[in-house]
């Protein structure tokens, strides 16, 4: 039971989990910014070109049954515009940054010193032993 509590504490308070949580919060906040860009800047431009910024009013009626295909079109257009905005405002600038400053994808972290490796081996054998 003690080992289980120790492992849970290591998971819950570990550096990786905290980093992932911070990244998730930042990603959600950034998603709100991109959604606002699409809905409040790009979709009104679509409205200028096509007469309305949303296609929700497009409905087909067959045998007294309404099929609101316009809502689907709005969702598809919003998805495509969001993907385009992410590509133009995040992916392309990041690629330019990597090219300019020579950032390698998946660059390996520095290897630990030999004495650290040896101390870790000793620690691991003491735990097993």
Protein backbone atom coordinates (compact mmCIF):
# COMPACT_ATOMS: atom_id res chain seq x y z
CA UNK A 1 0.00 0.00 0.00
CA UNK A 2 2.86 2.35 0.83
CA UNK A 3 4.43 1.71 -2.56
CA UNK A 4 1.11 2.46 -4.29
CA UNK A 5 0.80 5.80 -2.47
CA UNK A 6 4.41 6.65 -3.36
CA UNK A 7 3.84 5.83 -7.03
CA UNK A 8 0.62 7.87 -7.12
CA UNK A 9 2.38 10.83 -5.50
CA UNK A 10 5.18 10.58 -8.07
CA UNK A 11 2.61 10.54 -10.88
CA UNK A 12 0.39 13.33 -9.54
CA UNK A 13 3.19 15.67 -8.56
CA UNK A 14 5.72 14.66 -11.18
CA UNK A 15 7.22 17.24 -13.49
CA UNK A 16 5.85 15.65 -16.66
CA UNK A 17 2.24 15.79 -15.49
CA UNK A 18 2.56 19.44 -14.46
CA UNK A 19 4.14 20.29 -17.82
CA UNK A 20 1.36 18.48 -19.68
CA UNK A 21 -1.31 20.27 -17.62
CA UNK A 22 0.23 23.67 -18.34
CA UNK A 23 0.51 22.83 -22.03
CA UNK A 24 -3.14 21.73 -22.10
CA UNK A 25 -4.34 24.96 -20.49
CA UNK A 26 -2.27 27.01 -22.92
CA UNK A 27 -3.57 24.97 -25.85
CA UNK A 28 -7.17 25.52 -24.76
CA UNK A 29 -6.58 29.26 -24.41
CA UNK A 30 -4.92 29.34 -27.82
CA UNK A 31 -7.85 27.39 -29.30
CA UNK A 32 -10.16 30.15 -28.04
CA UNK A 33 -8.00 32.75 -29.79
CA UNK A 34 -8.04 30.83 -33.08
CA UNK A 35 -11.80 30.28 -32.79
CA UNK A 36 -12.33 34.00 -32.23
CA UNK A 37 -10.13 34.78 -35.25
CA UNK A 38 -12.20 32.49 -37.44
CA UNK A 39 -15.64 33.44 -36.11
CA UNK A 40 -15.16 37.20 -35.73
CA UNK A 41 -12.74 38.06 -38.54
CA UNK A 42 -12.73 35.39 -41.22
CA UNK A 43 -16.39 34.30 -41.18
CA UNK A 44 -17.64 37.90 -41.67
CA UNK A 45 -15.43 38.08 -44.76
CA UNK A 46 -17.14 34.90 -45.94
CA UNK A 47 -20.42 36.72 -45.28
CA UNK A 48 -19.32 39.59 -47.51
CA UNK A 49 -18.47 37.18 -50.33
CA UNK A 50 -21.47 34.83 -50.05
CA UNK A 51 -24.12 37.08 -48.51
CA UNK A 52 -24.17 35.50 -45.04
CA UNK A 53 -21.41 34.43 -42.63
CA UNK A 54 -23.23 31.27 -41.56
CA UNK A 55 -25.08 28.74 -43.64
CA UNK A 56 -27.35 27.51 -40.82
CA UNK A 57 -30.47 28.74 -42.60
CA UNK A 58 -29.95 26.33 -45.51
CA UNK A 59 -32.52 23.58 -45.02
CA UNK A 60 -34.03 20.95 -47.32
CA UNK A 61 -37.55 19.72 -46.53
CA UNK A 62 -38.54 16.22 -47.64
CA UNK A 63 -41.91 14.76 -46.55
CA UNK A 64 -42.29 17.30 -43.73
CA UNK A 65 -38.82 16.40 -42.46
CA UNK A 66 -36.22 19.16 -42.37
CA UNK A 67 -32.58 18.42 -43.11
CA UNK A 68 -30.41 21.33 -41.91
CA UNK A 69 -27.42 20.74 -44.18
CA UNK A 70 -26.35 24.38 -43.73
CA UNK A 71 -25.25 23.71 -40.14
CA UNK A 72 -22.98 20.96 -41.46
CA UNK A 73 -21.58 23.31 -44.12
CA UNK A 74 -20.90 25.94 -41.44
CA UNK A 75 -19.05 23.35 -39.31
CA UNK A 76 -16.96 22.22 -42.32
CA UNK A 77 -16.09 25.78 -43.33
CA UNK A 78 -15.21 26.66 -39.73
CA UNK A 79 -12.98 23.58 -39.46
CA UNK A 80 -11.20 24.35 -42.74
CA UNK A 81 -10.69 28.00 -41.82
CA UNK A 82 -9.41 27.04 -38.36
CA UNK A 83 -6.94 24.60 -39.92
CA UNK A 84 -5.85 27.29 -42.39
CA UNK A 85 -5.40 29.86 -39.61
CA UNK A 86 -3.32 27.42 -37.55
CA UNK A 87 -1.22 26.60 -40.58
CA UNK A 88 -0.59 30.23 -41.53
CA UNK A 89 -0.17 31.70 -38.04
CA UNK A 90 1.48 28.83 -36.15
CA UNK A 91 3.01 26.15 -38.38
CA UNK A 92 4.60 28.39 -41.03
CA UNK A 93 6.12 30.88 -38.53
CA UNK A 94 7.45 27.98 -36.46
CA UNK A 95 9.01 26.39 -39.54
CA UNK A 96 10.59 29.74 -40.43
CA UNK A 97 11.90 30.04 -36.87
CA UNK A 98 13.42 26.56 -37.01
CA UNK A 99 15.03 27.28 -40.38
CA UNK A 100 16.43 30.61 -39.23
CA UNK A 101 17.85 29.49 -35.90
CA UNK A 102 18.73 25.91 -36.82
CA UNK A 103 16.47 24.21 -34.31
CA UNK A 104 16.58 20.48 -34.94
CA UNK A 105 13.40 18.44 -34.63
CA UNK A 106 13.64 16.02 -31.71
CA UNK A 107 17.12 17.12 -30.70
CA UNK A 108 18.46 14.75 -28.05
CA UNK A 109 19.10 16.06 -24.58
CA UNK A 110 22.67 16.07 -23.33
CA UNK A 111 23.77 12.70 -22.08
CA UNK A 112 24.39 12.57 -18.32
CA UNK A 113 27.95 12.49 -17.12
CA UNK A 114 29.60 9.11 -16.59
CA UNK A 115 29.61 9.46 -12.80
CA UNK A 116 25.85 10.14 -12.81
CA UNK A 117 25.26 7.03 -14.89
CA UNK A 118 27.39 5.00 -12.48
CA UNK A 119 25.54 6.38 -9.44
CA UNK A 120 22.21 5.52 -11.04
CA UNK A 121 23.39 1.96 -11.69
CA UNK A 122 24.45 1.63 -8.06
CA UNK A 123 21.11 3.02 -6.85
CA UNK A 124 19.19 0.61 -9.07
CA UNK A 125 21.17 -2.40 -7.91
CA UNK A 126 20.62 -1.42 -4.26
CA UNK A 127 16.88 -1.22 -4.88
CA UNK A 128 16.85 -4.68 -6.44
CA UNK A 129 19.14 -6.15 -3.95
